[in-house]
Amino acid sequence: MRLIVTLILLLFVAAGIVLGALNADLVSYDLGFVRLPLPKGAALLLALVIGWLLGGLTAWLGVSSRHRRQRRQAAAADGKAHTNPAGA
């Protein structure tokens, strides 16, 4: 299994090197407050990393807020069970 993962990783590294080499010319990005001349491959990689980070952050916030809400509801239900015994 470890060999397969290593081979897939090497395949993606090689594809990244080829992509960077084929897109080496500079492109100027104007962000309003700064102008960045970047190679196309670096800009593509930067956009990919930013998208990956923002997607991961969004997924983490969604899951953690749902877990927080479920813990709160469970604590409220547990508190009601202790204050109102069923046999009394």
PDB file of N, CA and C in Angstrom:
ATOM      1  N   MET A   1       0.822  -1.192   0.000  1.00  0.00           N
ATOM      2  CA  MET A   1       0.000   0.000   0.000  1.00  0.00           C
ATOM      3  C   MET A   1       0.868   1.259   0.000  1.00  0.00           C
ATOM      4  N   ARG A   2       1.930   1.211   0.791  1.00  0.00           N
ATOM      5  CA  ARG A   2       2.822   2.364   0.877  1.00  0.00           C
ATOM      6  C   ARG A   2       3.516   2.627  -0.456  1.00  0.00           C
ATOM      7  N   LEU A   3       3.828   1.567  -1.186  1.00  0.00           N
ATOM      8  CA  LEU A   3       4.468   1.705  -2.498  1.00  0.00           C
ATOM      9  C   LEU A   3       3.519   2.384  -3.485  1.00  0.00           C
ATOM     10  N   ILE A   4       2.246   2.012  -3.454  1.00  0.00           N
ATOM     11  CA  ILE A   4       1.260   2.621  -4.361  1.00  0.00           C
ATOM     12  C   ILE A   4       1.115   4.116  -4.069  1.00  0.00           C
ATOM     13  N   VAL A   5       1.040   4.467  -2.794  1.00  0.00           N
ATOM     14  CA  VAL A   5       0.919   5.878  -2.416  1.00  0.00           C
ATOM     15  C   VAL A   5       2.151   6.660  -2.865  1.00  0.00           C
ATOM     16  N   THR A   6       3.328   6.074  -2.694  1.00  0.00           N
ATOM     17  CA  THR A   6       4.569   6.731  -3.114  1.00  0.00           C
ATOM     18  C   THR A   6       4.599   6.928  -4.631  1.00  0.00           C
ATOM     19  N   LEU A   7       4.169   5.925  -5.372  1.00  0.00           N
ATOM     20  CA  LEU A   7       4.139   6.046  -6.829  1.00  0.00           C
ATOM     21  C   LEU A   7       3.145   7.114  -7.291  1.00  0.00           C
ATOM     22  N   ILE A   8       1.981   7.176  -6.659  1.00  0.00           N
ATOM     23  CA  ILE A   8       1.001   8.206  -7.012  1.00  0.00           C
ATOM     24  C   ILE A   8       1.545   9.591  -6.676  1.00  0.00           C
ATOM     25  N   LEU A   9       2.194   9.724  -5.533  1.00  0.00           N
ATOM     26  CA  LEU A   9       2.798  10.999  -5.154  1.00  0.00           C
ATOM     27  C   LEU A   9       3.861  11.424  -6.158  1.00  0.00           C
ATOM     28  N   LEU A  10       4.710  10.499  -6.571  1.00  0.00           N
ATOM     29  CA  LEU A  10       5.739  10.810  -7.562  1.00  0.00           C
ATOM     30  C   LEU A  10       5.128  11.184  -8.908  1.00  0.00           C
ATOM     31  N   LEU A  11       4.014  10.542  -9.267  1.00  0.00           N
ATOM     32  CA  LEU A  11       3.321  10.880 -10.500  1.00  0.00           C
ATOM     33  C   LEU A  11       2.810  12.321 -10.463  1.00  0.00           C
ATOM     34  N   PHE A  12       2.222  12.734  -9.348  1.00  0.00           N
ATOM     35  CA  PHE A  12       1.728  14.095  -9.235  1.00  0.00           C
ATOM     36  C   PHE A  12       2.864  15.120  -9.170  1.00  0.00           C
ATOM     37  N   VAL A  13       3.967  14.775  -8.542  1.00  0.00           N
ATOM     38  CA  VAL A  13       5.125  15.677  -8.514  1.00  0.00           C
ATOM     39  C   VAL A  13       5.668  15.863  -9.928  1.00  0.00           C
ATOM     40  N   ALA A  14       5.774  14.770 -10.674  1.00  0.00           N
ATOM     41  CA  ALA A  14       6.256  14.861 -12.058  1.00  0.00           C
ATOM     42  C   ALA A  14       5.298  15.689 -12.910  1.00  0.00           C
ATOM     43  N   ALA A  15       3.983  15.491 -12.730  1.00  0.00           N
ATOM     44  CA  ALA A  15       3.015  16.284 -13.479  1.00  0.00           C
ATOM     45  C   ALA A  15       3.119  17.763 -13.121  1.00  0.00           C
ATOM     46  N   GLY A  16       3.368  18.064 -11.852  1.00  0.00           N
ATOM     47  CA  GLY A  16       3.548  19.452 -11.432  1.00  0.00           C
ATOM     48  C   GLY A  16       4.789  20.078 -12.043  1.00  0.00           C
ATOM     49  N   ILE A  17       5.865  19.316 -12.132  1.00  0.00           N
ATOM     50  CA  ILE A  17       7.100  19.828 -12.741  1.00  0.00           C
ATOM     51  C   ILE A  17       6.880  20.092 -14.230  1.00  0.00           C
ATOM     52  N   VAL A  18       6.213  19.174 -14.904  1.00  0.00           N
ATOM     53  CA  VAL A  18       5.928  19.361 -16.328  1.00  0.00           C
ATOM     54  C   VAL A  18       5.014  20.565 -16.538  1.00  0.00           C
ATOM     55  N   LEU A  19       3.984  20.693 -15.715  1.00  0.00           N
ATOM     56  CA  LEU A  19       3.070  21.816 -15.822  1.00  0.00           C
ATOM     57  C   LEU A  19       3.800  23.140 -15.603  1.00  0.00           C
ATOM     58  N   GLY A  20       4.675  23.187 -14.628  1.00  0.00           N
ATOM     59  CA  GLY A  20       5.446  24.402 -14.377  1.00  0.00           C
ATOM     60  C   GLY A  20       6.406  24.722 -15.509  1.00  0.00           C
ATOM     61  N   ALA A  21       7.008  23.703 -16.080  1.00  0.00           N
ATOM     62  CA  ALA A  21       7.956  23.936 -17.167  1.00  0.00           C
ATOM     63  C   ALA A  21       7.252  24.396 -18.440  1.00  0.00           C
ATOM     64  N   LEU A  22       6.075  23.863 -18.713  1.00  0.00           N
ATOM     65  CA  LEU A  22       5.354  24.246 -19.922  1.00  0.00           C
ATOM     66  C   LEU A  22       4.686  25.616 -19.807  1.00  0.00           C
ATOM     67  N   ASN A  23       4.492  26.095 -18.589  1.00  0.00           N
ATOM     68  CA  ASN A  23       3.845  27.382 -18.358  1.00  0.00           C
ATOM     69  C   ASN A  23       4.788  28.325 -17.616  1.00  0.00           C
ATOM     70  N   ALA A  24       5.973  28.497 -18.139  1.00  0.00           N
ATOM     71  CA  ALA A  24       6.992  29.281 -17.454  1.00  0.00           C
ATOM     72  C   ALA A  24       6.902  30.776 -17.737  1.00  0.00           C
ATOM     73  N   ASP A  25       6.152  31.198 -18.747  1.00  0.00           N
ATOM     74  CA  ASP A  25       6.091  32.625 -19.062  1.00  0.00           C
ATOM     75  C   ASP A  25       5.323  33.384 -17.982  1.00  0.00           C
ATOM     76  N   LEU A  26       5.729  34.643 -17.801  1.00  0.00           N
ATOM     77  CA  LEU A  26       5.156  35.463 -16.731  1.00  0.00           C
ATOM     78  C   LEU A  26       3.811  36.053 -17.141  1.00  0.00           C
ATOM     79  N   VAL A  27       2.926  36.109 -16.170  1.00  0.00           N
ATOM     80  CA  VAL A  27       1.630  36.761 -16.324  1.00  0.00           C
ATOM     81  C   VAL A  27       1.514  37.739 -15.175  1.00  0.00           C
ATOM     82  N   SER A  28       1.046  38.939 -15.468  1.00  0.00           N
ATOM     83  CA  SER A  28       0.923  39.959 -14.440  1.00  0.00           C
ATOM     84  C   SER A  28      -0.503  39.964 -13.894  1.00  0.00           C
ATOM     85  N   TYR A  29      -0.633  39.834 -12.581  1.00  0.00           N
ATOM     86  CA  TYR A  29      -1.933  39.854 -11.915  1.00  0.00           C
ATOM     87  C   TYR A  29      -2.055  41.159 -11.150  1.00  0.00           C
ATOM     88  N   ASP A  30      -3.106  41.915 -11.448  1.00  0.00           N
ATOM     89  CA  ASP A  30      -3.359  43.186 -10.775  1.00  0.00           C
ATOM     90  C   ASP A  30      -4.449  42.962  -9.736  1.00  0.00           C
ATOM     91  N   LEU A  31      -4.084  43.052  -8.459  1.00  0.00           N
ATOM     92  CA  LEU A  31      -5.035  42.803  -7.379  1.00  0.00           C
ATOM     93  C   LEU A  31      -5.630  44.083  -6.814  1.00  0.00           C
ATOM     94  N   GLY A  32      -5.417  45.195  -7.470  1.00  0.00           N
ATOM     95  CA  GLY A  32      -5.959  46.464  -7.020  1.00  0.00           C
ATOM     96  C   GLY A  32      -4.965  47.261  -6.195  1.00  0.00           C
ATOM     97  N   PHE A  33      -4.349  46.622  -5.238  1.00  0.00           N
ATOM     98  CA  PHE A  33      -3.382  47.304  -4.386  1.00  0.00           C
ATOM     99  C   PHE A  33      -1.950  46.861  -4.637  1.00  0.00           C
ATOM    100  N   VAL A  34      -1.774  45.799  -5.374  1.00  0.00           N
ATOM    101  CA  VAL A  34      -0.439  45.311  -5.719  1.00  0.00           C
ATOM    102  C   VAL A  34      -0.523  44.597  -7.073  1.00  0.00           C
ATOM    103  N   ARG A  35       0.567  44.662  -7.796  1.00  0.00           N
ATOM    104  CA  ARG A  35       0.653  43.986  -9.093  1.00  0.00           C
ATOM    105  C   ARG A  35       1.708  42.889  -8.978  1.00  0.00           C
ATOM    106  N   LEU A  36       1.307  41.647  -9.273  1.00  0.00           N
ATOM    107  CA  LEU A  36       2.192  40.502  -9.102  1.00  0.00           C
ATOM    108  C   LEU A  36       2.507  39.855 -10.444  1.00  0.00           C
ATOM    109  N   PRO A  37       3.766  39.906 -10.873  1.00  0.00           N
ATOM    110  CA  PRO A  37       4.148  39.108 -12.049  1.00  0.00           C
ATOM    111  C   PRO A  37       4.545  37.697 -11.606  1.00  0.00           C
ATOM    112  N   LEU A  38       3.756  36.706 -12.000  1.00  0.00           N
ATOM    113  CA  LEU A  38       4.007  35.318 -11.612  1.00  0.00           C
ATOM    114  C   LEU A  38       4.029  34.431 -12.850  1.00  0.00           C
ATOM    115  N   PRO A  39       4.799  33.349 -12.796  1.00  0.00           N
ATOM    116  CA  PRO A  39       4.692  32.360 -13.864  1.00  0.00           C
ATOM    117  C   PRO A  39       3.300  31.712 -13.829  1.00  0.00           C
ATOM    118  N   LYS A  40       2.809  31.313 -14.977  1.00  0.00           N
ATOM    119  CA  LYS A  40       1.466  30.718 -15.033  1.00  0.00           C
ATOM    120  C   LYS A  40       1.346  29.486 -14.139  1.00  0.00           C
ATOM    121  N   GLY A  41       2.362  28.655 -14.153  1.00  0.00           N
ATOM    122  CA  GLY A  41       2.334  27.436 -13.335  1.00  0.00           C
ATOM    123  C   GLY A  41       2.262  27.753 -11.853  1.00  0.00           C
ATOM    124  N   ALA A  42       3.015  28.763 -11.413  1.00  0.00           N
ATOM    125  CA  ALA A  42       2.988  29.151  -9.997  1.00  0.00           C
ATOM    126  C   ALA A  42       1.632  29.740  -9.631  1.00  0.00           C
ATOM    127  N   ALA A  43       1.052  30.526 -10.527  1.00  0.00           N
ATOM    128  CA  ALA A  43      -0.271  31.098 -10.267  1.00  0.00           C
ATOM    129  C   ALA A  43      -1.322  30.000 -10.176  1.00  0.00           C
ATOM    130  N   LEU A  44      -1.234  29.001 -11.042  1.00  0.00           N
ATOM    131  CA  LEU A  44      -2.168  27.885 -11.006  1.00  0.00           C
ATOM    132  C   LEU A  44      -2.008  27.089  -9.712  1.00  0.00           C
ATOM    133  N   LEU A  45      -0.777  26.839  -9.319  1.00  0.00           N
ATOM    134  CA  LEU A  45      -0.518  26.121  -8.083  1.00  0.00           C
ATOM    135  C   LEU A  45      -1.002  26.918  -6.878  1.00  0.00           C
ATOM    136  N   LEU A  46      -0.782  28.223  -6.878  1.00  0.00           N
ATOM    137  CA  LEU A  46      -1.235  29.083  -5.793  1.00  0.00           C
ATOM    138  C   LEU A  46      -2.757  29.074  -5.696  1.00  0.00           C
ATOM    139  N   ALA A  47      -3.441  29.150  -6.816  1.00  0.00           N
ATOM    140  CA  ALA A  47      -4.908  29.099  -6.815  1.00  0.00           C
ATOM    141  C   ALA A  47      -5.399  27.744  -6.302  1.00  0.00           C
ATOM    142  N   LEU A  48      -4.732  26.679  -6.674  1.00  0.00           N
ATOM    143  CA  LEU A  48      -5.092  25.342  -6.210  1.00  0.00           C
ATOM    144  C   LEU A  48      -4.924  25.226  -4.700  1.00  0.00           C
ATOM    145  N   VAL A  49      -3.816  25.711  -4.173  1.00  0.00           N
ATOM    146  CA  VAL A  49      -3.553  25.641  -2.733  1.00  0.00           C
ATOM    147  C   VAL A  49      -4.547  26.507  -1.957  1.00  0.00           C
ATOM    148  N   ILE A  50      -4.826  27.706  -2.442  1.00  0.00           N
ATOM    149  CA  ILE A  50      -5.782  28.577  -1.763  1.00  0.00           C
ATOM    150  C   ILE A  50      -7.172  27.940  -1.767  1.00  0.00           C
ATOM    151  N   GLY A  51      -7.580  27.376  -2.879  1.00  0.00           N
ATOM    152  CA  GLY A  51      -8.867  26.690  -2.948  1.00  0.00           C
ATOM    153  C   GLY A  51      -8.933  25.487  -2.027  1.00  0.00           C
ATOM    154  N   TRP A  52      -7.859  24.734  -1.947  1.00  0.00           N
ATOM    155  CA  TRP A  52      -7.798  23.573  -1.063  1.00  0.00           C
ATOM    156  C   TRP A  52      -7.906  24.007   0.387  1.00  0.00           C
ATOM    157  N   LEU A  53      -7.178  25.066   0.760  1.00  0.00           N
ATOM    158  CA  LEU A  53      -7.223  25.557   2.134  1.00  0.00           C
ATOM    159  C   LEU A  53      -8.598  26.118   2.486  1.00  0.00           C
ATOM    160  N   LEU A  54      -9.176  26.917   1.608  1.00  0.00           N
ATOM    161  CA  LEU A  54     -10.497  27.485   1.885  1.00  0.00           C
ATOM    162  C   LEU A  54     -11.572  26.397   1.927  1.00  0.00           C
ATOM    163  N   GLY A  55     -11.489  25.410   1.061  1.00  0.00           N
ATOM    164  CA  GLY A  55     -12.435  24.292   1.094  1.00  0.00           C
ATOM    165  C   GLY A  55     -12.297  23.477   2.371  1.00  0.00           C
ATOM    166  N   GLY A  56     -11.078  23.227   2.791  1.00  0.00           N
ATOM    167  CA  GLY A  56     -10.854  22.504   4.046  1.00  0.00           C
ATOM    168  C   GLY A  56     -11.344  23.280   5.249  1.00  0.00           C
ATOM    169  N   LEU A  57     -11.099  24.582   5.249  1.00  0.00           N
ATOM    170  CA  LEU A  57     -11.563  25.434   6.347  1.00  0.00           C
ATOM    171  C   LEU A  57     -13.085  25.450   6.405  1.00  0.00           C
ATOM    172  N   THR A  58     -13.732  25.555   5.262  1.00  0.00           N
ATOM    173  CA  THR A  58     -15.194  25.546   5.217  1.00  0.00           C
ATOM    174  C   THR A  58     -15.751  24.218   5.718  1.00  0.00           C
ATOM    175  N   ALA A  59     -15.181  23.123   5.291  1.00  0.00           N
ATOM    176  CA  ALA A  59     -15.639  21.812   5.742  1.00  0.00           C
ATOM    177  C   ALA A  59     -15.423  21.643   7.239  1.00  0.00           C
ATOM    178  N   TRP A  60     -14.281  22.085   7.741  1.00  0.00           N
ATOM    179  CA  TRP A  60     -13.988  21.965   9.170  1.00  0.00           C
ATOM    180  C   TRP A  60     -14.945  22.803  10.003  1.00  0.00           C
ATOM    181  N   LEU A  61     -15.214  24.026   9.560  1.00  0.00           N
ATOM    182  CA  LEU A  61     -16.143  24.881  10.302  1.00  0.00           C
ATOM    183  C   LEU A  61     -17.546  24.292  10.302  1.00  0.00           C
ATOM    184  N   GLY A  62     -17.973  23.735   9.181  1.00  0.00           N
ATOM    185  CA  GLY A  62     -19.300  23.118   9.111  1.00  0.00           C
ATOM    186  C   GLY A  62     -19.431  21.926  10.032  1.00  0.00           C
ATOM    187  N   VAL A  63     -18.429  21.070  10.050  1.00  0.00           N
ATOM    188  CA  VAL A  63     -18.469  19.880  10.898  1.00  0.00           C
ATOM    189  C   VAL A  63     -18.357  20.263  12.364  1.00  0.00           C
ATOM    190  N   SER A  64     -17.459  21.184  12.692  1.00  0.00           N
ATOM    191  CA  SER A  64     -17.272  21.540  14.099  1.00  0.00           C
ATOM    192  C   SER A  64     -18.491  22.266  14.653  1.00  0.00           C
ATOM    193  N   SER A  65     -19.167  23.088  13.855  1.00  0.00           N
ATOM    194  CA  SER A  65     -20.360  23.767  14.357  1.00  0.00           C
ATOM    195  C   SER A  65     -21.490  22.758  14.573  1.00  0.00           C
ATOM    196  N   ARG A  66     -21.601  21.768  13.688  1.00  0.00           N
ATOM    197  CA  ARG A  66     -22.629  20.733  13.869  1.00  0.00           C
ATOM    198  C   ARG A  66     -22.344  19.917  15.125  1.00  0.00           C
ATOM    199  N   HIS A  67     -21.071  19.581  15.376  1.00  0.00           N
ATOM    200  CA  HIS A  67     -20.710  18.815  16.574  1.00  0.00           C
ATOM    201  C   HIS A  67     -20.993  19.630  17.830  1.00  0.00           C
ATOM    202  N   ARG A  68     -20.681  20.925  17.789  1.00  0.00           N
ATOM    203  CA  ARG A  68     -20.952  21.803  18.933  1.00  0.00           C
ATOM    204  C   ARG A  68     -22.452  21.829  19.241  1.00  0.00           C
ATOM    205  N   ARG A  69     -23.264  21.975  18.202  1.00  0.00           N
ATOM    206  CA  ARG A  69     -24.713  22.018  18.380  1.00  0.00           C
ATOM    207  C   ARG A  69     -25.220  20.691  18.935  1.00  0.00           C
ATOM    208  N   GLN A  70     -24.707  19.563  18.465  1.00  0.00           N
ATOM    209  CA  GLN A  70     -25.127  18.254  18.964  1.00  0.00           C
ATOM    210  C   GLN A  70     -24.710  18.053  20.418  1.00  0.00           C
ATOM    211  N   ARG A  71     -23.513  18.522  20.793  1.00  0.00           N
ATOM    212  CA  ARG A  71     -23.073  18.420  22.187  1.00  0.00           C
ATOM    213  C   ARG A  71     -23.958  19.258  23.099  1.00  0.00           C
ATOM    214  N   ARG A  72     -24.323  20.473  22.627  1.00  0.00           N
ATOM    215  CA  ARG A  72     -25.195  21.341  23.409  1.00  0.00           C
ATOM    216  C   ARG A  72     -26.560  20.693  23.614  1.00  0.00           C
ATOM    217  N   GLN A  73     -27.118  20.111  22.562  1.00  0.00           N
ATOM    218  CA  GLN A  73     -28.418  19.455  22.658  1.00  0.00           C
ATOM    219  C   GLN A  73     -28.345  18.234  23.573  1.00  0.00           C
ATOM    220  N   ALA A  74     -27.254  17.480  23.490  1.00  0.00           N
ATOM    221  CA  ALA A  74     -27.094  16.310  24.353  1.00  0.00           C
ATOM    222  C   ALA A  74     -26.944  16.735  25.810  1.00  0.00           C
ATOM    223  N   ALA A  75     -26.224  17.814  26.064  1.00  0.00           N
ATOM    224  CA  ALA A  75     -26.063  18.299  27.433  1.00  0.00           C
ATOM    225  C   ALA A  75     -27.391  18.808  27.984  1.00  0.00           C
ATOM    226  N   ALA A  76     -28.190  19.462  27.146  1.00  0.00           N
ATOM    227  CA  ALA A  76     -29.494  19.941  27.581  1.00  0.00           C
ATOM    228  C   ALA A  76     -30.419  18.759  27.878  1.00  0.00           C
ATOM    229  N   ALA A  77     -30.392  17.745  27.040  1.00  0.00           N
ATOM    230  CA  ALA A  77     -31.219  16.560  27.269  1.00  0.00           C
ATOM    231  C   ALA A  77     -30.764  15.817  28.509  1.00  0.00           C
ATOM    232  N   ASP A  78     -29.467  15.760  28.746  1.00  0.00           N
ATOM    233  CA  ASP A  78     -28.915  15.096  29.924  1.00  0.00           C
ATOM    234  C   ASP A  78     -29.299  15.872  31.183  1.00  0.00           C
ATOM    235  N   GLY A  79     -29.291  17.186  31.115  1.00  0.00           N
ATOM    236  CA  GLY A  79     -29.686  18.009  32.253  1.00  0.00           C
ATOM    237  C   GLY A  79     -31.144  17.840  32.593  1.00  0.00           C
ATOM    238  N   LYS A  80     -32.003  17.715  31.592  1.00  0.00           N
ATOM    239  CA  LYS A  80     -33.435  17.507  31.826  1.00  0.00           C
ATOM    240  C   LYS A  80     -33.678  16.128  32.431  1.00  0.00           C
ATOM    241  N   ALA A  81     -32.906  15.140  32.023  1.00  0.00           N
ATOM    242  CA  ALA A  81     -33.079  13.787  32.548  1.00  0.00           C
ATOM    243  C   ALA A  81     -32.723  13.741  34.033  1.00  0.00           C
ATOM    244  N   HIS A  82     -31.739  14.516  34.471  1.00  0.00           N
ATOM    245  CA  HIS A  82     -31.332  14.509  35.869  1.00  0.00           C
ATOM    246  C   HIS A  82     -32.296  15.314  36.727  1.00  0.00           C
ATOM    247  N   THR A  83     -32.893  16.376  36.217  1.00  0.00           N
ATOM    248  CA  THR A  83     -33.783  17.214  37.022  1.00  0.00           C
ATOM    249  C   THR A  83     -35.211  16.667  37.057  1.00  0.00           C
ATOM    250  N   ASN A  84     -35.604  15.848  36.117  1.00  0.00           N
ATOM    251  CA  ASN A  84     -36.963  15.317  36.041  1.00  0.00           C
ATOM    252  C   ASN A  84     -36.906  13.795  35.944  1.00  0.00           C
ATOM    253  N   PRO A  85     -36.748  13.088  37.083  1.00  0.00           N
ATOM    254  CA  PRO A  85     -36.656  11.628  37.028  1.00  0.00           C
ATOM    255  C   PRO A  85     -37.967  11.029  36.527  1.00  0.00           C
ATOM    256  N   ALA A  86     -37.854   9.972  35.791  1.00  0.00           N
ATOM    257  CA  ALA A  86     -39.037   9.366  35.169  1.00  0.00           C
ATOM    258  C   ALA A  86     -39.924   8.677  36.196  1.00  0.00           C
ATOM    259  N   GLY A  87     -39.369   8.146  37.262  1.00  0.00           N
ATOM    260  CA  GLY A  87     -40.155   7.421  38.253  1.00  0.00           C
ATOM    261  C   GLY A  87     -40.852   8.313  39.257  1.00  0.00           C
ATOM    262  N   ALA A  88     -40.595   9.589  39.317  1.00  0.00           N
ATOM    263  CA  ALA A  88     -41.182  10.449  40.351  1.00  0.00           C
ATOM    264  C   ALA A  88     -42.490  11.056  39.980  1.00  0.00           C
TER     265      ALA A  88
END
